[in-house]
Amino acid sequence: PQDYVVMGTPLVNLRTGPSTSAMVIGRAEKGDVFQVEGETGGWYKILLFSGEPRYVTKSDFVYPLTRDQLLEEHGMSLPISTARSRSIFWDTE
């Protein structure tokens, strides 16, 4: 499998399992990059920033990347607001 995937369109569903009937727990934005933990059929098993595994469909708008295609030293800063941080990492576990 590829090392990473990048979302090519806004609002890509993040699911609890490798099926369109699995619960959608959030949505990724265009440009979001996730580490790939594995592949199942037509699905990538990805890791969220929290380390939780989730699934995205292999499709024309989810692009595979290798480690050498990533920009070094790129980071993310979370908002100071606790409410905003929660909305970014919303999960219905």
Protein backbone atom coordinates (compact mmCIF):
# COMPACT_ATOMS: atom_id res chain seq x y z
CA PRO A 1 0.00 0.00 0.00
CA GLN A 2 0.92 3.67 -0.33
CA ASP A 3 2.39 5.51 2.65
CA TYR A 4 -0.12 8.40 2.60
CA VAL A 5 -3.23 9.71 0.85
CA VAL A 6 -4.25 13.30 0.13
CA MET A 7 -7.83 14.43 -0.35
CA GLY A 8 -8.44 16.01 -3.76
CA THR A 9 -11.89 17.41 -3.01
CA PRO A 10 -13.65 18.85 0.06
CA LEU A 11 -15.91 16.79 2.30
CA VAL A 12 -14.50 13.28 1.84
CA ASN A 13 -16.34 10.96 4.26
CA LEU A 14 -14.30 9.37 7.05
CA ARG A 15 -15.98 6.11 8.08
CA THR A 16 -15.74 3.60 10.93
CA GLY A 17 -15.44 0.67 8.51
CA PRO A 18 -14.74 -0.20 4.87
CA SER A 19 -18.31 0.15 3.63
CA THR A 20 -20.72 2.87 2.52
CA SER A 21 -23.05 1.58 5.24
CA ALA A 22 -20.42 2.23 7.96
CA MET A 23 -20.98 5.33 10.11
CA VAL A 24 -19.56 8.61 8.84
CA ILE A 25 -17.69 10.15 11.80
CA GLY A 26 -16.37 13.23 10.03
CA ARG A 27 -15.26 14.70 6.75
CA ALA A 28 -11.81 15.55 5.41
CA GLU A 29 -11.07 18.72 3.49
CA LYS A 30 -9.26 19.13 0.20
CA GLY A 31 -5.51 18.92 0.83
CA ASP A 32 -5.76 16.92 4.08
CA VAL A 33 -3.08 14.21 4.26
CA PHE A 34 -3.44 10.96 6.19
CA GLN A 35 -1.08 8.07 6.85
CA VAL A 36 -2.26 4.78 5.32
CA GLU A 37 -2.26 1.80 7.67
CA GLY A 38 -3.60 -0.68 5.11
CA GLU A 39 -5.98 -1.37 2.25
CA THR A 40 -9.17 -3.41 2.16
CA GLY A 41 -10.87 -3.93 -1.19
CA GLY A 42 -11.76 -0.48 -2.46
CA TRP A 43 -10.87 1.28 0.82
CA TYR A 44 -7.83 2.83 2.50
CA LYS A 45 -7.48 2.29 6.25
CA ILE A 46 -6.06 5.62 7.45
CA LEU A 47 -4.95 7.04 10.78
CA LEU A 48 -6.44 10.26 12.13
CA PHE A 49 -4.24 12.78 13.97
CA SER A 50 -5.49 11.17 17.20
CA GLY A 51 -4.16 7.79 16.01
CA GLU A 52 -7.65 6.33 15.54
CA PRO A 53 -8.10 4.19 12.40
CA ARG A 54 -10.78 5.22 9.90
CA TYR A 55 -11.62 4.41 6.28
CA VAL A 56 -11.86 6.40 3.05
CA THR A 57 -12.85 5.05 -0.32
CA LYS A 58 -10.26 4.54 -3.04
CA SER A 59 -11.60 6.93 -5.63
CA ASP A 60 -10.71 9.50 -8.24
CA PHE A 61 -10.55 12.19 -5.53
CA VAL A 62 -8.29 10.40 -3.00
CA TYR A 63 -4.70 10.42 -4.23
CA PRO A 64 -1.95 8.07 -2.99
CA LEU A 65 1.40 9.60 -1.92
CA THR A 66 4.74 8.16 -0.93
CA ARG A 67 6.80 9.54 1.93
CA ASP A 68 9.24 11.28 -0.43
CA GLN A 69 6.37 13.31 -1.94
CA LEU A 70 5.59 15.03 1.39
CA LEU A 71 6.94 18.45 2.36
CA GLU A 72 9.37 18.27 5.26
CA GLU A 73 8.77 20.33 8.40
CA HIS A 74 5.13 20.92 7.58
CA GLY A 75 3.05 21.14 10.75
CA MET A 76 -0.39 21.98 11.99
CA SER A 77 -1.40 24.41 14.71
CA LEU A 78 -4.67 23.85 16.52
CA PRO A 79 -6.87 26.80 17.47
CA ILE A 80 -6.61 28.01 21.06
CA SER A 81 -10.39 27.66 21.46
CA THR A 82 -11.29 24.30 23.04
CA ALA A 83 -14.68 24.31 21.29
CA ARG A 84 -13.03 24.84 17.89
CA SER A 85 -10.46 22.10 18.57
CA ARG A 86 -13.28 19.70 19.46
CA SER A 87 -15.13 20.50 16.24
CA ILE A 88 -12.00 19.74 14.22
CA PHE A 89 -11.55 16.31 15.83
CA TRP A 90 -15.22 15.47 16.34
CA ASP A 91 -15.74 11.76 16.73
CA THR A 92 -18.86 9.86 17.80
CA GLU A 93 -17.30 7.00 19.69
